[in-house]
Protein backbone atom coordinates (compact mmCIF):
# COMPACT_ATOMS: atom_id res chain seq x y z
CA MET A 1 -11.59 -57.65 10.92
CA LYS A 2 -8.82 -55.99 11.36
CA ALA A 3 -9.32 -52.30 13.48
CA TYR A 4 -8.06 -49.50 15.10
CA ASN A 5 -9.66 -49.61 18.16
CA LEU A 6 -9.55 -47.04 21.21
CA HIS A 7 -9.29 -48.86 24.99
CA GLY A 8 -8.40 -45.63 26.52
CA ILE A 9 -6.95 -42.21 26.13
CA GLY A 10 -3.81 -43.06 23.95
CA ASP A 11 -4.59 -46.27 24.03
CA LEU A 12 -5.30 -47.15 20.45
CA ARG A 13 -4.70 -50.80 19.44
CA TYR A 14 -4.47 -52.26 16.02
CA GLU A 15 -6.34 -55.43 16.29
CA GLU A 16 -8.85 -58.17 15.51
CA CYS A 17 -12.53 -56.98 16.24
CA PRO A 18 -15.97 -58.44 15.29
CA LEU A 19 -17.61 -57.71 12.23
CA PRO A 20 -20.24 -55.02 13.14
CA GLU A 21 -24.04 -56.50 13.26
CA LEU A 22 -26.32 -54.88 11.04
CA ARG A 23 -30.00 -54.13 12.23
CA GLU A 24 -32.91 -52.88 9.90
CA GLY A 25 -31.98 -50.06 7.26
CA TRP A 26 -28.22 -50.03 8.32
CA CYS A 27 -25.71 -51.79 5.33
CA LEU A 28 -22.01 -52.86 5.64
CA VAL A 29 -19.22 -51.02 4.19
CA LYS A 30 -16.10 -52.17 3.12
CA VAL A 31 -13.44 -49.03 4.24
CA LYS A 32 -11.32 -48.56 0.73
CA SER A 33 -9.76 -45.01 2.20
CA CYS A 34 -10.29 -42.72 5.16
CA GLY A 35 -8.48 -39.39 6.11
CA ILE A 36 -7.42 -38.64 9.38
CA CYS A 37 -9.45 -35.73 10.83
CA SER A 38 -7.49 -32.85 13.10
CA SER A 39 -10.36 -34.13 15.47
CA ASP A 40 -9.14 -37.46 15.61
CA ILE A 41 -5.60 -36.13 17.35
CA PRO A 42 -6.87 -35.08 20.69
CA ARG A 43 -10.08 -37.26 20.23
CA VAL A 44 -6.85 -40.34 20.33
CA PHE A 45 -4.48 -38.74 22.60
CA THR A 46 -6.39 -36.31 25.00
CA LYS A 47 -9.75 -36.47 25.54
CA GLY A 48 -11.37 -39.31 24.27
CA THR A 49 -14.73 -40.86 22.70
CA TYR A 50 -17.87 -40.80 23.76
CA HIS A 51 -17.01 -44.60 25.75
CA PHE A 52 -14.14 -47.11 25.39
CA PRO A 53 -13.77 -48.84 23.38
CA THR A 54 -14.45 -47.35 20.43
CA ILE A 55 -13.22 -47.21 16.54
CA PRO A 56 -12.44 -44.31 15.20
CA GLY A 57 -12.58 -42.54 11.97
CA HIS A 58 -15.18 -40.51 10.71
CA GLU A 59 -14.13 -39.37 6.85
CA PHE A 60 -14.06 -42.02 4.45
CA SER A 61 -15.46 -43.65 1.48
CA GLY A 62 -15.74 -47.84 0.19
CA VAL A 63 -18.06 -50.39 -0.94
CA VAL A 64 -21.30 -51.55 0.27
CA ASP A 65 -20.87 -54.99 0.80
CA LYS A 66 -23.91 -56.18 2.55
CA VAL A 67 -27.50 -54.82 3.62
CA ALA A 68 -29.41 -56.11 6.14
CA SER A 69 -32.78 -55.67 4.34
CA ALA A 70 -33.88 -56.74 1.37
CA GLU A 71 -35.17 -53.44 -0.07
CA ASN A 72 -31.95 -52.07 0.29
CA GLU A 73 -30.15 -55.03 -1.82
CA LYS A 74 -29.81 -52.36 -5.03
CA TRP A 75 -26.84 -50.36 -2.86
CA LEU A 76 -24.73 -54.17 -2.95
CA ASN A 77 -21.24 -53.36 -4.71
CA LYS A 78 -21.55 -49.41 -5.16
CA ARG A 79 -19.23 -47.13 -4.34
CA VAL A 80 -20.04 -44.67 -1.89
CA GLY A 81 -19.46 -41.73 0.01
CA ILE A 82 -20.83 -41.59 4.12
CA PHE A 83 -22.39 -38.89 6.00
CA PRO A 84 -21.34 -39.71 9.21
CA LEU A 85 -23.50 -37.33 11.72
CA ILE A 86 -27.18 -40.21 12.24
CA PRO A 87 -29.69 -37.79 13.15
CA CYS A 88 -32.29 -38.96 15.65
CA LYS A 89 -35.00 -37.34 13.02
CA GLU A 90 -37.63 -37.00 16.00
CA CYS A 91 -36.22 -33.24 17.52
CA ASP A 92 -37.41 -30.18 15.99
CA GLN A 93 -34.57 -29.32 14.15
CA CYS A 94 -34.73 -32.94 12.02
CA LYS A 95 -38.12 -32.13 11.52
CA SER A 96 -37.45 -28.56 10.04
CA GLY A 97 -34.91 -30.54 7.93
CA HIS A 98 -31.20 -29.33 9.42
CA TYR A 99 -30.11 -32.89 10.63
CA GLU A 100 -26.62 -31.40 11.19
CA THR A 101 -28.44 -29.25 14.15
CA CYS A 102 -29.70 -32.57 15.84
CA ARG A 103 -30.28 -32.44 19.10
CA ASN A 104 -29.64 -36.10 19.84
CA TYR A 105 -28.01 -37.14 16.95
CA ASP A 106 -25.38 -40.01 17.25
CA TYR A 107 -21.93 -39.65 14.68
CA ILE A 108 -19.42 -42.97 12.82
CA GLY A 109 -16.29 -42.64 14.74
CA SER A 110 -16.88 -40.67 18.10
CA ARG A 111 -19.83 -42.21 19.45
CA ARG A 112 -20.30 -45.12 17.48
CA ASP A 113 -17.16 -46.97 16.07
CA GLY A 114 -16.06 -45.64 12.63
CA ALA A 115 -13.93 -46.36 9.55
CA TYR A 116 -10.11 -47.10 10.87
CA ALA A 117 -11.20 -50.48 10.07
CA GLU A 118 -11.52 -52.78 7.62
CA TYR A 119 -15.36 -52.83 7.85
CA VAL A 120 -18.21 -50.41 9.14
CA ALA A 121 -21.44 -50.01 9.90
CA VAL A 122 -23.61 -47.19 8.44
CA PRO A 123 -27.47 -46.78 7.98
CA VAL A 124 -28.70 -46.76 4.74
CA TRP A 125 -29.91 -43.07 4.96
CA ASN A 126 -26.06 -41.85 4.84
CA LEU A 127 -24.90 -43.12 1.76
CA ILE A 128 -24.36 -41.39 -1.34
CA GLU A 129 -23.15 -42.84 -4.67
CA LEU A 130 -20.43 -41.80 -6.12
CA PRO A 131 -19.92 -41.62 -9.63
CA GLU A 132 -17.04 -43.23 -11.93
CA SER A 133 -15.17 -39.89 -11.89
CA VAL A 134 -14.55 -39.90 -8.09
CA SER A 135 -11.78 -41.91 -6.52
CA PHE A 136 -11.93 -43.20 -3.25
CA HIS A 137 -9.34 -40.72 -2.13
CA GLU A 138 -10.99 -38.07 -3.46
CA ALA A 139 -14.48 -39.31 -1.85
CA ALA A 140 -12.92 -39.90 1.96
CA MET A 141 -12.62 -36.05 1.54
CA LEU A 142 -16.58 -35.63 1.18
CA GLU A 143 -16.49 -34.36 4.48
CA PRO A 144 -14.46 -32.51 4.85
CA LEU A 145 -15.35 -30.63 1.73
CA SER A 146 -18.53 -30.55 2.64
CA VAL A 147 -18.34 -28.87 5.82
CA ALA A 148 -15.97 -26.02 4.26
CA LEU A 149 -18.86 -25.50 1.77
CA HIS A 150 -21.26 -24.94 4.56
CA ALA A 151 -19.49 -22.74 6.47
CA ALA A 152 -18.46 -20.96 2.62
CA LYS A 153 -22.39 -20.66 2.67
CA ARG A 154 -23.04 -19.13 5.94
CA ALA A 155 -20.57 -16.25 5.24
CA ASP A 156 -23.07 -15.07 2.87
CA ILE A 157 -20.45 -13.17 1.34
CA GLN A 158 -21.09 -10.18 -1.33
CA THR A 159 -19.36 -10.47 -4.29
CA GLY A 160 -16.53 -8.96 -5.08
CA ASP A 161 -15.19 -9.28 -0.98
CA SER A 162 -12.33 -9.43 0.08
CA VAL A 163 -11.46 -12.80 2.48
CA ALA A 164 -9.47 -14.28 4.84
CA VAL A 165 -8.60 -17.58 5.90
CA LEU A 166 -6.90 -18.65 8.99
CA GLY A 167 -6.17 -21.96 9.15
CA THR A 168 -3.77 -24.15 6.68
CA GLY A 169 -5.40 -27.53 6.99
CA MET A 170 -7.77 -29.15 4.37
CA ILE A 171 -11.01 -27.15 5.31
CA GLY A 172 -9.29 -23.73 5.24
CA PHE A 173 -7.95 -24.54 1.96
CA ALA A 174 -11.33 -25.71 0.82
CA VAL A 175 -12.86 -23.04 2.44
CA ALA A 176 -10.93 -20.27 0.25
CA GLN A 177 -12.04 -22.46 -3.00
CA TRP A 178 -15.91 -22.64 -2.75
CA MET A 179 -15.27 -18.63 -1.97
CA LYS A 180 -13.98 -18.10 -4.85
CA MET A 181 -16.59 -19.83 -6.08
CA LEU A 182 -19.46 -17.94 -4.83
CA GLY A 183 -17.69 -14.88 -5.91
CA ALA A 184 -14.95 -13.30 -3.35
CA GLY A 185 -12.78 -10.69 -5.21
CA LYS A 186 -9.32 -11.34 -3.38
CA ILE A 187 -8.87 -14.29 -1.02
CA THR A 188 -5.92 -14.80 1.43
CA VAL A 189 -5.17 -17.65 3.40
CA ILE A 190 -3.33 -16.74 6.57
CA GLY A 191 -0.60 -19.37 8.07
CA ARG A 192 2.03 -19.22 10.85
CA SER A 193 4.57 -20.26 8.16
CA SER A 194 5.31 -20.41 4.25
CA GLU A 195 5.18 -24.13 4.50
CA LYS A 196 1.94 -24.38 2.78
CA ARG A 197 2.51 -21.71 0.68
CA PRO A 198 3.13 -24.06 -2.01
CA ILE A 199 -0.82 -25.17 -1.92
CA ALA A 200 -1.92 -21.64 -2.18
CA ASP A 201 0.25 -20.78 -5.01
CA SER A 202 -1.06 -24.04 -6.87
CA MET A 203 -4.83 -23.11 -6.46
CA ASN A 204 -3.97 -19.07 -7.02
CA LEU A 205 -4.62 -18.11 -3.68
CA ASN A 206 -2.75 -15.00 -1.82
CA TYR A 207 -1.09 -16.04 0.98
CA ILE A 208 0.42 -14.48 4.80
CA ALA A 209 2.91 -16.30 6.80
CA THR A 210 2.77 -14.70 10.04
CA LYS A 211 5.86 -15.89 11.78
CA GLU A 212 7.84 -13.66 8.56
CA GLU A 213 5.59 -10.72 7.19
CA PRO A 214 2.54 -8.82 9.45
CA ILE A 215 -1.01 -8.44 8.81
CA GLU A 216 -1.14 -4.72 7.07
CA GLU A 217 -4.82 -5.35 5.47
CA GLU A 218 -8.28 -5.49 6.84
CA PHE A 219 -10.83 -8.42 5.35
CA ASP A 220 -14.48 -7.87 4.75
CA ASP A 221 -15.31 -11.71 5.91
CA VAL A 222 -12.74 -13.48 7.86
CA VAL A 223 -13.38 -17.34 8.54
CA GLU A 224 -11.31 -18.94 11.52
CA ALA A 225 -10.94 -22.45 10.82
CA VAL A 226 -8.11 -23.23 13.66
CA GLY A 227 -10.04 -22.82 16.83
CA THR A 228 -7.05 -21.37 19.42
CA PRO A 229 -7.28 -18.21 20.97
CA GLU A 230 -4.39 -16.54 19.50
CA SER A 231 -6.59 -17.62 15.72
CA VAL A 232 -9.86 -16.32 16.93
CA ILE A 233 -7.88 -13.11 18.29
CA THR A 234 -6.61 -12.54 14.84
CA ALA A 235 -10.03 -13.38 13.07
CA LEU A 236 -11.54 -10.58 15.37
CA SER A 237 -8.75 -7.97 14.79
CA VAL A 238 -8.33 -8.16 10.87
CA THR A 239 -11.91 -7.91 10.15
CA ALA A 240 -12.82 -4.29 8.61
CA SER A 241 -15.89 -2.99 9.95
CA SER A 242 -19.36 -4.08 9.07
CA GLY A 243 -17.49 -7.18 8.49
CA HIS A 244 -18.35 -10.87 9.11
CA VAL A 245 -16.60 -13.12 11.51
CA LEU A 246 -17.43 -16.70 10.73
CA LEU A 247 -15.94 -19.68 13.18
CA MET A 248 -15.84 -23.01 12.54
CA GLY A 249 -12.21 -24.38 14.26
CA ASN A 250 -12.80 -26.69 17.10
CA PRO A 251 -11.64 -25.13 19.72
CA SER A 252 -8.35 -26.40 21.51
CA GLY A 253 -10.33 -25.34 25.19
CA ASP A 254 -11.34 -22.08 26.47
CA ILE A 255 -11.66 -18.85 24.03
CA ASP A 256 -10.64 -15.59 26.48
CA LEU A 257 -10.86 -12.26 24.85
CA PRO A 258 -9.11 -9.17 25.47
CA GLN A 259 -11.24 -6.72 26.38
CA ASP A 260 -9.79 -4.52 23.24
CA VAL A 261 -10.81 -6.95 20.69
CA TYR A 262 -14.10 -6.94 22.48
CA TRP A 263 -14.48 -3.57 21.74
CA LYS A 264 -13.89 -4.27 18.25
CA ILE A 265 -16.75 -6.66 17.81
CA LEU A 266 -18.87 -3.23 19.01
CA ARG A 267 -17.16 -0.64 17.49
CA ARG A 268 -16.83 -2.26 14.11
CA GLN A 269 -19.91 -3.67 14.71
CA LEU A 270 -18.84 -7.15 13.26
CA LEU A 271 -21.03 -9.91 12.94
CA VAL A 272 -20.06 -13.03 14.46
CA THR A 273 -21.54 -16.02 13.28
CA GLY A 274 -20.94 -19.75 14.07
CA THR A 275 -20.78 -22.77 11.83
CA TRP A 276 -20.51 -26.86 12.44
CA ASN A 277 -21.06 -29.77 9.93
CA SER A 278 -22.69 -30.09 6.63
CA SER A 279 -26.57 -30.27 5.53
CA TYR A 280 -27.15 -33.00 4.16
CA GLU A 281 -30.48 -35.21 2.65
CA SER A 282 -30.39 -38.76 1.19
CA GLY A 283 -30.87 -38.76 -2.40
CA GLU A 284 -32.25 -34.99 -2.10
CA PRO A 285 -29.73 -31.82 -3.14
CA CYS A 286 -27.40 -30.50 -0.42
CA ASP A 287 -23.63 -29.56 0.38
CA TRP A 288 -22.60 -32.99 -0.22
CA THR A 289 -24.46 -33.52 -3.82
CA GLU A 290 -22.80 -30.12 -4.06
CA ALA A 291 -19.14 -31.12 -3.36
CA VAL A 292 -19.42 -35.03 -5.17
CA ASP A 293 -20.61 -32.63 -8.45
CA ALA A 294 -17.34 -29.90 -7.52
CA ILE A 295 -14.84 -32.70 -7.66
CA ALA A 296 -16.20 -35.18 -10.19
CA ASN A 297 -16.16 -31.84 -12.60
CA LYS A 298 -12.99 -30.66 -11.56
CA LYS A 299 -14.38 -27.46 -9.94
CA VAL A 300 -12.50 -28.00 -6.96
CA GLN A 301 -8.67 -28.69 -6.14
CA VAL A 302 -8.65 -31.60 -3.72
CA ASP A 303 -5.31 -34.43 -4.62
CA ALA A 304 -3.27 -31.01 -4.40
CA LEU A 305 -4.58 -31.02 -0.71
CA MET A 306 -3.61 -34.67 0.06
CA THR A 307 -0.03 -34.74 1.25
CA HIS A 308 0.65 -38.04 2.55
CA CYS A 309 -1.16 -41.72 2.36
CA PHE A 310 -0.66 -44.35 4.72
CA PRO A 311 -1.53 -48.56 4.37
CA GLN A 312 -3.90 -49.71 6.90
CA GLU A 313 -1.32 -51.11 9.11
CA ASP A 314 0.64 -47.75 8.90
CA LEU A 315 -2.40 -45.44 10.17
CA ASP A 316 -0.49 -44.67 13.42
CA LYS A 317 2.49 -42.83 11.54
CA GLY A 318 0.02 -40.95 10.40
CA LEU A 319 -1.48 -40.04 13.67
CA GLU A 320 2.02 -39.70 14.95
CA LEU A 321 3.07 -37.46 12.15
CA MET A 322 -0.38 -34.97 12.83
CA ARG A 323 0.39 -34.94 16.51
CA ASN A 324 4.18 -34.12 17.05
CA HIS A 325 4.25 -31.81 13.31
CA LYS A 326 7.48 -33.33 12.36
CA GLU A 327 6.60 -32.18 9.02
CA SER A 328 4.29 -30.33 6.58
CA TYR A 329 0.68 -31.97 6.41
CA CYS A 330 -2.52 -31.27 4.81
CA LYS A 331 -4.43 -33.93 4.46
CA VAL A 332 -3.20 -37.09 5.52
CA MET A 333 -4.94 -40.29 4.48
CA THR A 334 -5.36 -44.05 4.74
CA ASP A 335 -6.28 -46.39 1.89
CA TRP A 336 -7.63 -49.77 3.25
CA ASN A 337 -8.34 -53.42 1.76
CA ALA A 338 -5.78 -52.54 -0.62
CA LYS A 339 -5.16 -56.17 -1.25
CA ASP A 340 -8.49 -56.98 -2.42
């Protein structure tokens, strides 16, 4: 099969790789769509994966091509989305059903080979069947959409709350949409420039471009979905007294807080919460089943978030676009096995 294999930091090769081997309870998924996550940029170019070589890619959908066990043959040829975290199911967090905070998890696309490939090995437990009304492109956005829903729930907003979301990637806009569905009042997306304003307008969201206009109001709830020191400081600074700050952006490095900003946490009695990943339980209601339902029933807009799509041979162009910010983008998608 063809795959993008990361042999070292910055050394990503599109090459022939052996098909993944399957063990009991696993299946082979033929990849149809795979999104490029912002976390893949440092993973490929600066930080690396947990070992080399590794095939990155964790936001994907496809068709079950092969199963290792006869008991799972019902999955053959099913259209599926995939929860990329593989829990140990033995730690205290797993035993309580909080798989997203597993202490010994594996992860498709960073700790084991992922979906920048024509085929990927996946535990059957991690499969979620797709209704025909959900496209492969939409299903490849289930992972960030579910992460955004998990964050919106942890924000624990009250009906009518004013909400600000810092970050104009897919997750930022997805969080804003979920916040609206959960009863928030005025919702404002905050970005640096006005390039993403059309996306906000299409979703009836307020928008502030900080390069062009100051933030002159405070918000009951603020979601930080960037992960830079500047964004965290802004989030803490624009939260109203007794407000809630939700941190979800992957940190770009160490986050240092000026003393006056730290004082705001204390003197405004802010509640600061962290969130990571999403809830999942095979065959049971969870963030993922809610996300599938929301896409299938057009409760959320995901098509508007996909700004670029590349064939598998040009995935490297998508990575470079995101790395160098040559043009405005939101969700960058790749198509796989398109000739089948």
